[in-house]
Amino acid sequence: MINNRVPVEIINNRVPVEMINNMVQVEMINNKVPVEMINNKVQVEMINNRVPVEMINNMVPVEMINNKVPVEMINNVVQVEMINNKVPVEMINNKVPVEMINNKVPVEMINNMVQVEMINNKVPVEMINNKVQVEMINNLVQVEMINNMVQVEMINNMVQVEMINNKVPVEIINNRVLVEMINNKVPVEMINNKVPVEIINNKVPVEMINNRVLVEVINNMVQVEMINNMVPVEMINNKVPVEIINNRVLVEVINNRVLVEVINNRVLVEMIKNSVPVEKINNRVSGLC
């Protein structure tokens, strides 16, 4: 012994040892190999700050029992090295390589549900430029479908949607917004039995084609809102604006007669300067004959 160590012969910077069946014969105590410990650590040979291990086909051979690698288990949990309370993993191009089977990543399933890590009751997702990265196939986002319906997050029985500039972005095809149709009708949100609409400059924007407003027509009649069996109309300066063609007011004619409102068996007419303005043709007053 020199300095409490056994001097050994060194050849090519290695210690020659006895080999039987291509295995090094070592002393075993209680079926374990005693090793030198310094500061409660096993001293191993380091090259370029790494521990050299035996490699076969560029893989490290490990002991397998029942085709599994035995690991240290405490309370049925695998003990792994933690740094800052995280498990260090191998990163390639800033991504973690995972095992792929049939071009899919195998995940743990319990009750046919994928187990994911939750932080503050939320699933952490990868964000790039403050956007969630999703799987795209044929330029479409793949979503979970149950009974042919897309599963969405509901809070207070309302669907949470992404808002941009306080508006919901929608898909536009051929300059039209795609909406869900049920029984050939568009379901809309009703508040107090009324449909809330967007108001711009105190007006409801409507769809215009060829400078005309599209309205619903049933039995060749335009469907309008009735209040007290009367049609509410827009009033300007307390007058109803009417359409003028060739300097004439268009009125509804049934059986070649103009329909007028009668109160107390009298026809209501407009008075200007206490006179009834009438239309003159060839200096004659035209009236109903």
Protein backbone atom coordinates (compact mmCIF):
# COMPACT_ATOMS: atom_id res chain seq x y z
CA MET A 1 0.00 0.00 0.00
CA ILE A 2 1.29 3.47 -0.88
CA ASN A 3 -0.71 6.41 0.50
CA ASN A 4 -3.43 3.89 1.40
CA ARG A 5 -3.67 2.76 -2.27
CA VAL A 6 -2.63 -0.41 -4.05
CA PRO A 7 -0.06 0.33 -6.78
CA VAL A 8 -0.97 -1.39 -10.06
CA GLU A 9 0.77 -1.84 -13.39
CA ILE A 10 -0.27 0.66 -16.10
CA ILE A 11 -0.01 -0.31 -19.81
CA ASN A 12 -1.17 2.17 -22.53
CA ASN A 13 -2.68 4.26 -19.73
CA ARG A 14 -4.90 1.30 -18.74
CA VAL A 15 -4.80 -1.14 -15.85
CA PRO A 16 -4.55 -4.73 -17.15
CA VAL A 17 -7.15 -6.94 -15.50
CA GLU A 18 -7.96 -10.62 -15.62
CA MET A 19 -10.56 -11.48 -18.28
CA ILE A 20 -12.62 -14.73 -18.32
CA ASN A 21 -15.20 -15.26 -21.11
CA ASN A 22 -14.49 -11.67 -22.16
CA MET A 23 -15.64 -10.43 -18.74
CA VAL A 24 -13.56 -8.68 -16.07
CA GLN A 25 -13.29 -10.66 -12.84
CA VAL A 26 -14.07 -8.42 -9.89
CA GLU A 27 -14.50 -9.01 -6.17
CA MET A 28 -18.14 -9.33 -5.12
CA ILE A 29 -19.41 -8.62 -1.58
CA ASN A 30 -23.09 -9.37 -0.86
CA ASN A 31 -23.53 -9.79 -4.63
CA LYS A 32 -22.31 -6.21 -5.15
CA VAL A 33 -19.07 -4.83 -6.56
CA PRO A 34 -17.29 -2.58 -4.03
CA VAL A 35 -16.19 0.68 -5.64
CA GLU A 36 -14.17 3.64 -4.45
CA MET A 37 -16.37 6.42 -3.07
CA ILE A 38 -15.27 10.07 -2.64
CA ASN A 39 -17.77 12.56 -1.18
CA ASN A 40 -20.39 9.78 -1.43
CA LYS A 41 -19.84 9.57 -5.22
CA VAL A 42 -18.45 6.73 -7.32
CA GLN A 43 -15.23 7.76 -9.08
CA VAL A 44 -15.42 6.93 -12.79
CA GLU A 45 -13.16 7.69 -15.73
CA MET A 46 -14.15 10.93 -17.50
CA ILE A 47 -13.22 11.87 -21.10
CA ASN A 48 -14.22 15.37 -22.32
CA ASN A 49 -16.27 15.67 -19.12
CA ARG A 50 -18.30 12.57 -20.10
CA VAL A 51 -18.37 9.04 -18.76
CA PRO A 52 -17.26 6.63 -21.53
CA VAL A 53 -19.63 3.67 -21.87
CA GLU A 54 -19.68 0.59 -24.03
CA MET A 55 -21.47 1.24 -27.33
CA ILE A 56 -22.87 -1.45 -29.68
CA ASN A 57 -24.41 -0.27 -32.99
CA ASN A 58 -24.19 3.27 -31.58
CA MET A 59 -26.43 2.25 -28.67
CA VAL A 60 -25.58 1.76 -25.00
CA PRO A 61 -26.38 -1.83 -23.98
CA VAL A 62 -28.33 -1.97 -20.72
CA GLU A 63 -29.54 -4.81 -18.56
CA MET A 64 -33.00 -5.99 -19.61
CA ILE A 65 -35.43 -8.00 -17.44
CA ASN A 66 -38.62 -9.22 -19.17
CA ASN A 67 -37.70 -6.94 -22.07
CA LYS A 68 -37.77 -3.92 -19.74
CA VAL A 69 -34.99 -1.78 -18.31
CA PRO A 70 -35.06 -2.05 -14.51
CA VAL A 71 -35.10 1.39 -12.85
CA GLU A 72 -35.13 2.54 -9.25
CA MET A 73 -38.70 2.80 -7.97
CA ILE A 74 -39.81 4.62 -4.79
CA ASN A 75 -43.54 4.55 -3.93
CA ASN A 76 -44.15 3.12 -7.43
CA VAL A 77 -42.57 6.23 -8.99
CA VAL A 78 -39.49 6.15 -11.21
CA GLN A 79 -36.67 8.23 -9.70
CA VAL A 80 -35.18 10.57 -12.28
CA GLU A 81 -32.74 13.45 -12.07
CA MET A 82 -34.52 16.79 -11.63
CA ILE A 83 -33.06 20.24 -12.44
CA ASN A 84 -35.12 23.25 -11.31
CA ASN A 85 -37.96 20.79 -10.62
CA LYS A 86 -37.90 19.67 -14.29
CA VAL A 87 -36.71 16.48 -15.93
CA PRO A 88 -33.88 17.27 -18.38
CA VAL A 89 -34.53 15.73 -21.80
CA GLU A 90 -32.56 15.52 -25.00
CA MET A 91 -33.29 18.43 -27.35
CA ILE A 92 -32.67 18.44 -31.13
CA ASN A 93 -33.30 21.75 -32.97
CA ASN A 94 -35.03 22.96 -29.79
CA LYS A 95 -37.51 20.04 -29.98
CA VAL A 96 -37.80 16.91 -27.87
CA PRO A 97 -37.50 13.77 -30.03
CA VAL A 98 -40.27 11.28 -29.21
CA GLU A 99 -40.97 7.71 -30.19
CA MET A 100 -43.26 7.42 -33.21
CA ILE A 101 -45.42 4.34 -34.00
CA ASN A 102 -47.35 4.35 -37.31
CA ASN A 103 -46.45 8.05 -37.61
CA LYS A 104 -48.23 8.76 -34.30
CA VAL A 105 -46.86 9.60 -30.87
CA PRO A 106 -48.02 6.96 -28.35
CA VAL A 107 -49.51 8.61 -25.26
CA GLU A 108 -50.88 7.33 -21.98
CA MET A 109 -54.63 6.71 -22.17
CA ILE A 110 -56.96 6.36 -19.13
CA ASN A 111 -60.69 5.82 -19.79
CA ASN A 112 -59.98 6.54 -23.48
CA MET A 113 -58.69 10.02 -22.58
CA VAL A 114 -55.17 11.36 -23.04
CA GLN A 115 -53.48 12.31 -19.77
CA VAL A 116 -51.92 15.77 -20.04
CA GLU A 117 -50.09 18.01 -17.60
CA MET A 118 -52.29 20.69 -16.05
CA ILE A 119 -50.99 24.01 -14.66
CA ASN A 120 -53.52 26.23 -12.85
CA ASN A 121 -56.22 23.90 -14.24
CA LYS A 122 -55.09 24.70 -17.81
CA VAL A 123 -53.24 22.60 -20.37
CA PRO A 124 -49.95 24.30 -21.32
CA VAL A 125 -49.57 24.48 -25.10
CA GLU A 126 -46.76 25.56 -27.38
CA MET A 127 -47.03 29.22 -28.31
CA ILE A 128 -45.23 30.86 -31.28
CA ASN A 129 -45.73 34.62 -31.82
CA ASN A 130 -48.42 34.44 -29.11
CA LYS A 131 -50.40 31.90 -31.18
CA VAL A 132 -51.22 28.28 -30.35
CA GLN A 133 -49.66 25.82 -32.79
CA VAL A 134 -52.28 23.33 -34.04
CA GLU A 135 -52.18 20.41 -36.44
CA MET A 136 -53.14 21.39 -39.98
CA ILE A 137 -54.25 18.91 -42.69
CA ASN A 138 -55.20 20.28 -46.14
CA ASN A 139 -54.98 23.77 -44.57
CA LEU A 140 -57.73 22.85 -42.06
CA VAL A 141 -57.40 22.69 -38.27
CA GLN A 142 -58.03 19.20 -36.90
CA VAL A 143 -60.48 19.30 -33.98
CA GLU A 144 -62.11 16.66 -31.79
CA MET A 145 -65.50 15.56 -33.11
CA ILE A 146 -68.15 13.75 -30.99
CA ASN A 147 -71.46 12.83 -32.69
CA ASN A 148 -70.27 14.87 -35.70
CA MET A 149 -70.07 18.00 -33.51
CA VAL A 150 -66.99 20.03 -32.61
CA GLN A 151 -66.25 20.06 -28.87
CA VAL A 152 -65.70 23.62 -27.64
CA GLU A 153 -65.01 25.17 -24.24
CA MET A 154 -68.14 26.43 -22.51
CA ILE A 155 -68.16 29.01 -19.66
CA ASN A 156 -71.54 29.98 -18.16
CA ASN A 157 -73.15 28.03 -21.04
CA MET A 158 -71.43 30.31 -23.58
CA VAL A 159 -68.87 29.31 -26.20
CA GLN A 160 -65.49 30.98 -25.72
CA VAL A 161 -64.25 32.41 -29.02
CA GLU A 162 -61.18 34.39 -30.02
CA MET A 163 -61.81 38.12 -30.35
CA ILE A 164 -59.72 40.47 -32.55
CA ASN A 165 -60.40 44.21 -32.15
CA ASN A 166 -63.48 43.19 -30.13
CA LYS A 167 -64.84 41.23 -33.13
CA VAL A 168 -65.11 37.50 -33.78
CA PRO A 169 -63.10 36.52 -36.87
CA VAL A 170 -65.18 34.38 -39.25
CA GLU A 171 -64.42 32.44 -42.39
CA ILE A 172 -65.34 34.27 -45.61
CA ILE A 173 -65.99 32.30 -48.84
CA ASN A 174 -67.11 34.14 -52.01
CA ASN A 175 -67.52 37.29 -49.89
CA ARG A 176 -70.08 35.52 -47.66
CA VAL A 177 -69.86 34.42 -44.03
CA LEU A 178 -70.37 30.70 -43.48
CA VAL A 179 -73.00 30.05 -40.79
CA GLU A 180 -74.56 26.95 -39.27
CA MET A 181 -77.93 25.99 -40.76
CA ILE A 182 -80.58 23.97 -38.84
CA ASN A 183 -83.77 23.03 -40.74
CA ASN A 184 -82.58 25.39 -43.51
CA LYS A 185 -82.62 28.31 -41.03
CA VAL A 186 -79.75 30.20 -39.42
CA PRO A 187 -79.96 29.88 -35.60
CA VAL A 188 -79.40 33.27 -33.97
CA GLU A 189 -78.99 34.42 -30.37
CA MET A 190 -82.20 35.79 -28.88
CA ILE A 191 -82.31 38.27 -25.95
CA ASN A 192 -85.76 39.15 -24.56
CA ASN A 193 -87.22 37.37 -27.63
CA LYS A 194 -85.37 39.81 -29.92
CA VAL A 195 -82.39 39.29 -32.18
CA PRO A 196 -79.51 41.61 -31.21
CA VAL A 197 -78.04 43.25 -34.33
CA GLU A 198 -74.98 45.38 -34.96
CA ILE A 199 -75.71 49.11 -35.08
CA ILE A 200 -73.42 51.46 -37.06
CA ASN A 201 -74.14 55.22 -36.99
CA ASN A 202 -77.48 54.37 -35.35
CA LYS A 203 -78.44 52.23 -38.39
CA VAL A 204 -78.63 48.49 -38.90
CA PRO A 205 -76.31 47.47 -41.76
CA VAL A 206 -78.12 45.15 -44.22
CA GLU A 207 -77.01 43.15 -47.22
CA MET A 208 -77.35 45.09 -50.48
CA ILE A 209 -77.40 43.49 -53.97
CA ASN A 210 -77.68 45.80 -57.02
CA ASN A 211 -78.28 48.66 -54.55
CA ARG A 212 -81.41 46.92 -53.19
CA VAL A 213 -82.08 45.54 -49.72
CA LEU A 214 -82.79 41.81 -49.65
CA VAL A 215 -86.02 41.02 -47.76
CA GLU A 216 -87.94 37.83 -47.04
CA VAL A 217 -90.84 37.26 -49.43
CA ILE A 218 -93.67 34.75 -48.69
CA ASN A 219 -96.59 34.31 -51.14
CA ASN A 220 -95.17 37.23 -53.17
CA MET A 221 -95.53 39.54 -50.14
CA VAL A 222 -92.76 41.20 -48.16
CA GLN A 223 -92.72 40.12 -44.50
CA VAL A 224 -92.65 43.18 -42.21
CA GLU A 225 -92.90 43.70 -38.45
CA MET A 226 -96.42 44.52 -37.25
CA ILE A 227 -97.18 46.43 -34.01
CA ASN A 228 -100.86 46.76 -33.00
CA ASN A 229 -101.71 45.42 -36.49
CA MET A 230 -99.90 48.42 -38.04
CA VAL A 231 -96.62 48.53 -39.91
CA PRO A 232 -94.13 50.87 -38.17
CA VAL A 233 -92.49 53.18 -40.74
CA GLU A 234 -89.57 55.58 -40.58
CA MET A 235 -90.58 59.20 -39.97
CA ILE A 236 -88.47 62.22 -41.02
CA ASN A 237 -89.62 65.65 -39.74
CA ASN A 238 -92.84 63.90 -38.67
CA LYS A 239 -93.49 62.82 -42.29
CA VAL A 240 -93.28 59.45 -43.97
CA PRO A 241 -90.74 59.56 -46.82
CA VAL A 242 -92.19 58.02 -50.02
CA GLU A 243 -90.67 57.02 -53.34
CA ILE A 244 -91.11 59.57 -56.16
CA ILE A 245 -90.96 58.43 -59.81
CA ASN A 246 -91.58 60.94 -62.67
CA ASN A 247 -92.62 63.47 -60.02
CA ARG A 248 -95.43 61.16 -58.86
CA VAL A 249 -95.92 59.36 -55.56
CA LEU A 250 -96.23 55.61 -55.97
CA VAL A 251 -99.29 54.26 -54.13
CA GLU A 252 -100.87 50.83 -53.90
CA VAL A 253 -103.80 50.37 -56.28
CA ILE A 254 -106.39 47.56 -55.87
CA ASN A 255 -109.28 47.21 -58.38
CA ASN A 256 -108.04 50.45 -60.01
CA ARG A 257 -108.62 52.36 -56.75
CA VAL A 258 -106.09 54.00 -54.46
CA LEU A 259 -106.23 52.64 -50.91
CA VAL A 260 -106.46 55.44 -48.33
CA GLU A 261 -106.90 55.48 -44.55
CA VAL A 262 -110.44 56.33 -43.46
CA ILE A 263 -111.22 57.60 -39.93
CA ASN A 264 -114.85 58.37 -38.96
CA ASN A 265 -115.82 57.74 -42.61
CA ARG A 266 -113.49 60.55 -43.71
CA VAL A 267 -110.31 60.42 -45.76
CA LEU A 268 -107.32 61.98 -44.01
CA VAL A 269 -105.46 64.41 -46.29
CA GLU A 270 -102.45 66.65 -45.78
CA MET A 271 -103.27 70.34 -45.21
CA ILE A 272 -100.83 73.11 -46.19
CA LYS A 273 -101.79 76.68 -45.21
CA ASN A 274 -105.23 75.29 -44.37
CA SER A 275 -105.65 74.13 -47.99
CA VAL A 276 -105.58 70.68 -49.53
CA PRO A 277 -102.79 70.49 -52.16
CA VAL A 278 -104.07 68.67 -55.27
CA GLU A 279 -102.46 67.57 -58.50
CA LYS A 280 -103.41 69.52 -61.61
CA ILE A 281 -103.20 68.06 -65.12
CA ASN A 282 -104.05 70.36 -68.10
CA ASN A 283 -105.09 72.96 -65.51
CA ARG A 284 -107.72 70.56 -64.17
CA VAL A 285 -107.85 68.85 -60.81
CA SER A 286 -107.50 65.10 -61.25
CA GLY A 287 -109.52 62.96 -58.88
CA LEU A 288 -111.18 59.57 -58.53
CA CYS A 289 -114.22 59.14 -60.80
